[in-house]
PDB file of N, CA and C in Angstrom:
ATOM      1  N   MET A   1       0.706  43.189  32.701  1.00  0.00           N
ATOM      2  CA  MET A   1       2.090  43.296  32.327  1.00  0.00           C
ATOM      3  C   MET A   1       2.919  43.792  33.508  1.00  0.00           C
ATOM      4  N   ALA A   2       2.452  44.827  34.164  1.00  0.00           N
ATOM      5  CA  ALA A   2       3.178  45.385  35.305  1.00  0.00           C
ATOM      6  C   ALA A   2       3.242  44.398  36.468  1.00  0.00           C
ATOM      7  N   CYS A   3       2.279  43.493  36.536  1.00  0.00           N
ATOM      8  CA  CYS A   3       2.266  42.478  37.595  1.00  0.00           C
ATOM      9  C   CYS A   3       3.174  41.303  37.254  1.00  0.00           C
ATOM     10  N   GLY A   4       3.760  41.331  36.078  1.00  0.00           N
ATOM     11  CA  GLY A   4       4.640  40.251  35.681  1.00  0.00           C
ATOM     12  C   GLY A   4       3.911  38.960  35.391  1.00  0.00           C
ATOM     13  N   LYS A   5       2.847  39.053  34.619  1.00  0.00           N
ATOM     14  CA  LYS A   5       2.065  37.866  34.255  1.00  0.00           C
ATOM     15  C   LYS A   5       1.931  37.804  32.738  1.00  0.00           C
ATOM     16  N   PRO A   6       1.791  36.604  32.161  1.00  0.00           N
ATOM     17  CA  PRO A   6       1.502  36.499  30.728  1.00  0.00           C
ATOM     18  C   PRO A   6       0.184  37.205  30.408  1.00  0.00           C
ATOM     19  N   ILE A   7       0.076  37.708  29.207  1.00  0.00           N
ATOM     20  CA  ILE A   7      -1.068  38.542  28.827  1.00  0.00           C
ATOM     21  C   ILE A   7      -1.894  37.884  27.728  1.00  0.00           C
ATOM     22  N   ILE A   8      -3.208  38.016  27.848  1.00  0.00           N
ATOM     23  CA  ILE A   8      -4.130  37.736  26.754  1.00  0.00           C
ATOM     24  C   ILE A   8      -4.878  39.035  26.520  1.00  0.00           C
ATOM     25  N   CYS A   9      -4.815  39.543  25.306  1.00  0.00           N
ATOM     26  CA  CYS A   9      -5.547  40.777  25.006  1.00  0.00           C
ATOM     27  C   CYS A   9      -5.995  40.772  23.555  1.00  0.00           C
ATOM     28  N   THR A  10      -6.924  41.658  23.264  1.00  0.00           N
ATOM     29  CA  THR A  10      -7.407  41.767  21.894  1.00  0.00           C
ATOM     30  C   THR A  10      -6.398  42.549  21.059  1.00  0.00           C
ATOM     31  N   ASP A  11      -6.371  42.236  19.792  1.00  0.00           N
ATOM     32  CA  ASP A  11      -5.414  42.837  18.863  1.00  0.00           C
ATOM     33  C   ASP A  11      -5.955  44.179  18.364  1.00  0.00           C
ATOM     34  N   VAL A  12      -5.845  45.184  19.217  1.00  0.00           N
ATOM     35  CA  VAL A  12      -6.288  46.532  18.868  1.00  0.00           C
ATOM     36  C   VAL A  12      -5.116  47.495  18.987  1.00  0.00           C
ATOM     37  N   SER A  13      -5.249  48.602  18.318  1.00  0.00           N
ATOM     38  CA  SER A  13      -4.259  49.665  18.375  1.00  0.00           C
ATOM     39  C   SER A  13      -2.867  49.112  18.102  1.00  0.00           C
ATOM     40  N   ASP A  14      -1.898  49.479  18.915  1.00  0.00           N
ATOM     41  CA  ASP A  14      -0.510  49.050  18.724  1.00  0.00           C
ATOM     42  C   ASP A  14      -0.130  47.870  19.612  1.00  0.00           C
ATOM     43  N   LEU A  15      -1.097  47.182  20.175  1.00  0.00           N
ATOM     44  CA  LEU A  15      -0.780  46.086  21.085  1.00  0.00           C
ATOM     45  C   LEU A  15       0.017  44.976  20.417  1.00  0.00           C
ATOM     46  N   SER A  16      -0.153  44.806  19.122  1.00  0.00           N
ATOM     47  CA  SER A  16       0.630  43.778  18.429  1.00  0.00           C
ATOM     48  C   SER A  16       2.116  44.129  18.401  1.00  0.00           C
ATOM     49  N   LEU A  17       2.442  45.382  18.648  1.00  0.00           N
ATOM     50  CA  LEU A  17       3.848  45.785  18.736  1.00  0.00           C
ATOM     51  C   LEU A  17       4.432  45.454  20.105  1.00  0.00           C
ATOM     52  N   ILE A  18       3.571  45.276  21.091  1.00  0.00           N
ATOM     53  CA  ILE A  18       4.001  45.028  22.462  1.00  0.00           C
ATOM     54  C   ILE A  18       3.860  43.558  22.843  1.00  0.00           C
ATOM     55  N   ILE A  19       2.793  42.914  22.366  1.00  0.00           N
ATOM     56  CA  ILE A  19       2.509  41.529  22.734  1.00  0.00           C
ATOM     57  C   ILE A  19       2.981  40.602  21.627  1.00  0.00           C
ATOM     58  N   ASN A  20       3.758  39.610  22.015  1.00  0.00           N
ATOM     59  CA  ASN A  20       4.316  38.650  21.081  1.00  0.00           C
ATOM     60  C   ASN A  20       4.069  37.253  21.635  1.00  0.00           C
ATOM     61  N   GLU A  21       3.532  36.363  20.828  1.00  0.00           N
ATOM     62  CA  GLU A  21       3.167  35.006  21.267  1.00  0.00           C
ATOM     63  C   GLU A  21       4.319  34.299  21.982  1.00  0.00           C
ATOM     64  N   VAL A  22       5.509  34.427  21.475  1.00  0.00           N
ATOM     65  CA  VAL A  22       6.651  33.728  22.045  1.00  0.00           C
ATOM     66  C   VAL A  22       7.177  34.436  23.287  1.00  0.00           C
ATOM     67  N   GLU A  23       7.128  35.751  23.274  1.00  0.00           N
ATOM     68  CA  GLU A  23       7.789  36.539  24.314  1.00  0.00           C
ATOM     69  C   GLU A  23       6.965  36.760  25.570  1.00  0.00           C
ATOM     70  N   ASN A  24       5.661  37.111  25.423  1.00  0.00           N
ATOM     71  CA  ASN A  24       4.961  37.554  26.627  1.00  0.00           C
ATOM     72  C   ASN A  24       3.452  37.337  26.698  1.00  0.00           C
ATOM     73  N   GLY A  25       2.843  36.723  25.729  1.00  0.00           N
ATOM     74  CA  GLY A  25       1.405  36.538  25.860  1.00  0.00           C
ATOM     75  C   GLY A  25       0.737  36.081  24.589  1.00  0.00           C
ATOM     76  N   SER A  26      -0.515  36.450  24.446  1.00  0.00           N
ATOM     77  CA  SER A  26      -1.306  35.997  23.322  1.00  0.00           C
ATOM     78  C   SER A  26      -2.311  37.070  22.907  1.00  0.00           C
ATOM     79  N   LEU A  27      -2.446  37.252  21.608  1.00  0.00           N
ATOM     80  CA  LEU A  27      -3.435  38.180  21.060  1.00  0.00           C
ATOM     81  C   LEU A  27      -4.637  37.400  20.547  1.00  0.00           C
ATOM     82  N   CYS A  28      -5.796  38.022  20.628  1.00  0.00           N
ATOM     83  CA  CYS A  28      -7.001  37.413  20.073  1.00  0.00           C
ATOM     84  C   CYS A  28      -7.854  38.512  19.449  1.00  0.00           C
ATOM     85  N   LYS A  29      -8.857  38.085  18.697  1.00  0.00           N
ATOM     86  CA  LYS A  29      -9.765  39.035  18.050  1.00  0.00           C
ATOM     87  C   LYS A  29     -10.918  39.348  18.997  1.00  0.00           C
ATOM     88  N   ALA A  30     -11.230  40.629  19.102  1.00  0.00           N
ATOM     89  CA  ALA A  30     -12.351  41.046  19.948  1.00  0.00           C
ATOM     90  C   ALA A  30     -13.655  40.461  19.411  1.00  0.00           C
ATOM     91  N   ASN A  31     -14.546  40.094  20.294  1.00  0.00           N
ATOM     92  CA  ASN A  31     -15.863  39.560  19.943  1.00  0.00           C
ATOM     93  C   ASN A  31     -15.807  38.282  19.112  1.00  0.00           C
ATOM     94  N   ASP A  32     -14.708  37.558  19.199  1.00  0.00           N
ATOM     95  CA  ASP A  32     -14.567  36.286  18.486  1.00  0.00           C
ATOM     96  C   ASP A  32     -14.285  35.204  19.520  1.00  0.00           C
ATOM     97  N   ILE A  33     -15.320  34.500  19.905  1.00  0.00           N
ATOM     98  CA  ILE A  33     -15.220  33.504  20.968  1.00  0.00           C
ATOM     99  C   ILE A  33     -14.165  32.456  20.657  1.00  0.00           C
ATOM    100  N   LYS A  34     -14.100  32.005  19.419  1.00  0.00           N
ATOM    101  CA  LYS A  34     -13.120  30.992  19.035  1.00  0.00           C
ATOM    102  C   LYS A  34     -11.696  31.526  19.190  1.00  0.00           C
ATOM    103  N   SER A  35     -11.466  32.750  18.781  1.00  0.00           N
ATOM    104  CA  SER A  35     -10.144  33.361  18.899  1.00  0.00           C
ATOM    105  C   SER A  35      -9.735  33.520  20.367  1.00  0.00           C
ATOM    106  N   ILE A  36     -10.675  33.961  21.186  1.00  0.00           N
ATOM    107  CA  ILE A  36     -10.407  34.126  22.623  1.00  0.00           C
ATOM    108  C   ILE A  36     -10.127  32.761  23.249  1.00  0.00           C
ATOM    109  N   SER A  37     -10.926  31.773  22.902  1.00  0.00           N
ATOM    110  CA  SER A  37     -10.732  30.423  23.416  1.00  0.00           C
ATOM    111  C   SER A  37      -9.360  29.874  23.026  1.00  0.00           C
ATOM    112  N   CYS A  38      -8.960  30.092  21.799  1.00  0.00           N
ATOM    113  CA  CYS A  38      -7.648  29.614  21.336  1.00  0.00           C
ATOM    114  C   CYS A  38      -6.517  30.297  22.099  1.00  0.00           C
ATOM    115  N   ALA A  39      -6.650  31.585  22.346  1.00  0.00           N
ATOM    116  CA  ALA A  39      -5.626  32.313  23.098  1.00  0.00           C
ATOM    117  C   ALA A  39      -5.501  31.752  24.513  1.00  0.00           C
ATOM    118  N   ILE A  40      -6.632  31.477  25.140  1.00  0.00           N
ATOM    119  CA  ILE A  40      -6.618  30.903  26.489  1.00  0.00           C
ATOM    120  C   ILE A  40      -5.983  29.512  26.456  1.00  0.00           C
ATOM    121  N   GLN A  41      -6.372  28.707  25.479  1.00  0.00           N
ATOM    122  CA  GLN A  41      -5.816  27.355  25.353  1.00  0.00           C
ATOM    123  C   GLN A  41      -4.299  27.382  25.131  1.00  0.00           C
ATOM    124  N   ARG A  42      -3.822  28.344  24.330  1.00  0.00           N
ATOM    125  CA  ARG A  42      -2.377  28.453  24.103  1.00  0.00           C
ATOM    126  C   ARG A  42      -1.635  28.684  25.409  1.00  0.00           C
ATOM    127  N   LEU A  43      -2.166  29.589  26.243  1.00  0.00           N
ATOM    128  CA  LEU A  43      -1.489  29.857  27.515  1.00  0.00           C
ATOM    129  C   LEU A  43      -1.616  28.682  28.479  1.00  0.00           C
ATOM    130  N   ILE A  44      -2.770  28.035  28.499  1.00  0.00           N
ATOM    131  CA  ILE A  44      -2.954  26.880  29.380  1.00  0.00           C
ATOM    132  C   ILE A  44      -1.967  25.770  29.020  1.00  0.00           C
ATOM    133  N   SER A  45      -1.704  25.599  27.740  1.00  0.00           N
ATOM    134  CA  SER A  45      -0.829  24.509  27.300  1.00  0.00           C
ATOM    135  C   SER A  45       0.656  24.904  27.285  1.00  0.00           C
ATOM    136  N   THR A  46       0.961  26.121  27.661  1.00  0.00           N
ATOM    137  CA  THR A  46       2.351  26.582  27.703  1.00  0.00           C
ATOM    138  C   THR A  46       3.048  26.018  28.936  1.00  0.00           C
ATOM    139  N   SER A  47       4.284  25.629  28.763  1.00  0.00           N
ATOM    140  CA  SER A  47       5.036  25.040  29.879  1.00  0.00           C
ATOM    141  C   SER A  47       5.258  26.071  30.991  1.00  0.00           C
ATOM    142  N   LYS A  48       5.448  25.551  32.193  1.00  0.00           N
ATOM    143  CA  LYS A  48       5.684  26.414  33.349  1.00  0.00           C
ATOM    144  C   LYS A  48       6.931  27.267  33.122  1.00  0.00           C
ATOM    145  N   TYR A  49       7.959  26.685  32.542  1.00  0.00           N
ATOM    146  CA  TYR A  49       9.192  27.417  32.260  1.00  0.00           C
ATOM    147  C   TYR A  49       8.920  28.612  31.339  1.00  0.00           C
ATOM    148  N   LYS A  50       8.178  28.372  30.252  1.00  0.00           N
ATOM    149  CA  LYS A  50       7.874  29.458  29.304  1.00  0.00           C
ATOM    150  C   LYS A  50       6.981  30.517  29.946  1.00  0.00           C
ATOM    151  N   LEU A  51       6.028  30.100  30.776  1.00  0.00           N
ATOM    152  CA  LEU A  51       5.165  31.069  31.462  1.00  0.00           C
ATOM    153  C   LEU A  51       5.972  31.956  32.396  1.00  0.00           C
ATOM    154  N   GLU A  52       6.922  31.363  33.102  1.00  0.00           N
ATOM    155  CA  GLU A  52       7.786  32.152  33.986  1.00  0.00           C
ATOM    156  C   GLU A  52       8.634  33.129  33.189  1.00  0.00           C
ATOM    157  N   LYS A  53       9.126  32.686  32.046  1.00  0.00           N
ATOM    158  CA  LYS A  53       9.916  33.569  31.171  1.00  0.00           C
ATOM    159  C   LYS A  53       9.046  34.715  30.654  1.00  0.00           C
ATOM    160  N   MET A  54       7.812  34.406  30.243  1.00  0.00           N
ATOM    161  CA  MET A  54       6.880  35.445  29.794  1.00  0.00           C
ATOM    162  C   MET A  54       6.627  36.454  30.916  1.00  0.00           C
ATOM    163  N   SER A  55       6.449  35.952  32.118  1.00  0.00           N
ATOM    164  CA  SER A  55       6.198  36.820  33.265  1.00  0.00           C
ATOM    165  C   SER A  55       7.351  37.795  33.473  1.00  0.00           C
ATOM    166  N   LYS A  56       8.572  37.274  33.444  1.00  0.00           N
ATOM    167  CA  LYS A  56       9.755  38.133  33.613  1.00  0.00           C
ATOM    168  C   LYS A  56       9.866  39.144  32.471  1.00  0.00           C
ATOM    169  N   ASN A  57       9.603  38.690  31.238  1.00  0.00           N
ATOM    170  CA  ASN A  57       9.651  39.588  30.085  1.00  0.00           C
ATOM    171  C   ASN A  57       8.640  40.725  30.227  1.00  0.00           C
ATOM    172  N   ASN A  58       7.436  40.398  30.705  1.00  0.00           N
ATOM    173  CA  ASN A  58       6.399  41.418  30.862  1.00  0.00           C
ATOM    174  C   ASN A  58       6.757  42.443  31.929  1.00  0.00           C
ATOM    175  N   ARG A  59       7.270  41.977  33.026  1.00  0.00           N
ATOM    176  CA  ARG A  59       7.647  42.916  34.096  1.00  0.00           C
ATOM    177  C   ARG A  59       8.739  43.855  33.606  1.00  0.00           C
ATOM    178  N   LYS A  60       9.732  43.297  32.915  1.00  0.00           N
ATOM    179  CA  LYS A  60      10.824  44.117  32.381  1.00  0.00           C
ATOM    180  C   LYS A  60      10.296  45.127  31.367  1.00  0.00           C
ATOM    181  N   LYS A  61       9.455  44.641  30.453  1.00  0.00           N
ATOM    182  CA  LYS A  61       8.907  45.516  29.417  1.00  0.00           C
ATOM    183  C   LYS A  61       8.058  46.631  30.031  1.00  0.00           C
ATOM    184  N   ALA A  62       7.274  46.296  31.043  1.00  0.00           N
ATOM    185  CA  ALA A  62       6.419  47.298  31.692  1.00  0.00           C
ATOM    186  C   ALA A  62       7.254  48.386  32.359  1.00  0.00           C
ATOM    187  N   THR A  63       8.330  47.986  33.024  1.00  0.00           N
ATOM    188  CA  THR A  63       9.157  49.003  33.690  1.00  0.00           C
ATOM    189  C   THR A  63       9.874  49.885  32.681  1.00  0.00           C
ATOM    190  N   GLU A  64      10.155  49.350  31.498  1.00  0.00           N
ATOM    191  CA  GLU A  64      10.797  50.151  30.454  1.00  0.00           C
ATOM    192  C   GLU A  64       9.796  51.063  29.730  1.00  0.00           C
ATOM    193  N   ILE A  65       8.686  50.476  29.299  1.00  0.00           N
ATOM    194  CA  ILE A  65       7.699  51.226  28.503  1.00  0.00           C
ATOM    195  C   ILE A  65       6.954  52.260  29.335  1.00  0.00           C
ATOM    196  N   PHE A  66       6.595  51.887  30.552  1.00  0.00           N
ATOM    197  CA  PHE A  66       5.742  52.749  31.366  1.00  0.00           C
ATOM    198  C   PHE A  66       6.500  53.496  32.454  1.00  0.00           C
ATOM    199  N   ASN A  67       7.814  53.602  32.305  1.00  0.00           N
ATOM    200  CA  ASN A  67       8.620  54.378  33.236  1.00  0.00           C
ATOM    201  C   ASN A  67       8.123  55.823  33.217  1.00  0.00           C
ATOM    202  N   PRO A  68       7.722  56.376  34.361  1.00  0.00           N
ATOM    203  CA  PRO A  68       7.151  57.725  34.388  1.00  0.00           C
ATOM    204  C   PRO A  68       8.061  58.794  33.785  1.00  0.00           C
ATOM    205  N   ASP A  69       9.355  58.680  34.001  1.00  0.00           N
ATOM    206  CA  ASP A  69      10.281  59.668  33.439  1.00  0.00           C
ATOM    207  C   ASP A  69      10.302  59.606  31.919  1.00  0.00           C
ATOM    208  N   ILE A  70      10.333  58.406  31.377  1.00  0.00           N
ATOM    209  CA  ILE A  70      10.351  58.246  29.923  1.00  0.00           C
ATOM    210  C   ILE A  70       9.027  58.680  29.314  1.00  0.00           C
ATOM    211  N   VAL A  71       7.919  58.285  29.930  1.00  0.00           N
ATOM    212  CA  VAL A  71       6.600  58.671  29.421  1.00  0.00           C
ATOM    213  C   VAL A  71       6.450  60.186  29.424  1.00  0.00           C
ATOM    214  N   THR A  72       6.847  60.823  30.517  1.00  0.00           N
ATOM    215  CA  THR A  72       6.737  62.282  30.620  1.00  0.00           C
ATOM    216  C   THR A  72       7.594  62.960  29.569  1.00  0.00           C
ATOM    217  N   THR A  73       8.826  62.525  29.417  1.00  0.00           N
ATOM    218  CA  THR A  73       9.728  63.113  28.423  1.00  0.00           C
ATOM    219  C   THR A  73       9.166  62.947  27.015  1.00  0.00           C
ATOM    220  N   ASN A  74       8.711  61.745  26.691  1.00  0.00           N
ATOM    221  CA  ASN A  74       8.144  61.511  25.357  1.00  0.00           C
ATOM    222  C   ASN A  74       6.898  62.350  25.111  1.00  0.00           C
ATOM    223  N   TYR A  75       6.064  62.478  26.126  1.00  0.00           N
ATOM    224  CA  TYR A  75       4.840  63.276  25.992  1.00  0.00           C
ATOM    225  C   TYR A  75       5.181  64.749  25.776  1.00  0.00           C
ATOM    226  N   LEU A  76       6.117  65.259  26.548  1.00  0.00           N
ATOM    227  CA  LEU A  76       6.527  66.659  26.391  1.00  0.00           C
ATOM    228  C   LEU A  76       7.160  66.891  25.030  1.00  0.00           C
ATOM    229  N   ASN A  77       7.956  65.935  24.569  1.00  0.00           N
ATOM    230  CA  ASN A  77       8.555  66.048  23.235  1.00  0.00           C
ATOM    231  C   ASN A  77       7.483  66.054  22.160  1.00  0.00           C
ATOM    232  N   LEU A  78       6.467  65.254  22.330  1.00  0.00           N
ATOM    233  CA  LEU A  78       5.368  65.218  21.376  1.00  0.00           C
ATOM    234  C   LEU A  78       4.645  66.559  21.330  1.00  0.00           C
ATOM    235  N   LEU A  79       4.406  67.139  22.490  1.00  0.00           N
ATOM    236  CA  LEU A  79       3.702  68.425  22.568  1.00  0.00           C
ATOM    237  C   LEU A  79       4.529  69.577  22.000  1.00  0.00           C
ATOM    238  N   THR A  80       5.842  69.473  22.140  1.00  0.00           N
ATOM    239  CA  THR A  80       6.703  70.579  21.666  1.00  0.00           C
ATOM    240  C   THR A  80       7.336  70.266  20.325  1.00  0.00           C
ATOM    241  N   ASN A  81       6.972  69.119  19.732  1.00  0.00           N
ATOM    242  CA  ASN A  81       7.490  68.689  18.437  1.00  0.00           C
ATOM    243  C   ASN A  81       9.005  68.561  18.402  1.00  0.00           C
ATOM    244  N   GLU A  82       9.596  68.191  19.519  1.00  0.00           N
ATOM    245  CA  GLU A  82      11.036  67.970  19.584  1.00  0.00           C
ATOM    246  C   GLU A  82      11.325  66.495  19.433  1.00  0.00           C
ATOM    247  N   LYS A  83      12.566  66.205  19.019  1.00  0.00           N
ATOM    248  CA  LYS A  83      12.996  64.807  18.897  1.00  0.00           C
ATOM    249  C   LYS A  83      14.213  64.564  19.732  1.00  0.00           C
TER     250      LYS A  83
END
């Protein structure tokens, strides 16, 4: 994501909140060869234009979500129970 590339990842934890088929990548089921294969095929068959858009979306999302200042503030708020 930080490298600005489309993503294929397993659907664990909150990744489904971050990864969206249309916006930035593809989710698959862990240990399911057919699911992984389908995710790869979806990206292979995606147009160059859409892949470039996904790449830009991922880079933008990564800089927003993983911004050190925001992460630190959110973590400190979590520890001190502030909102």
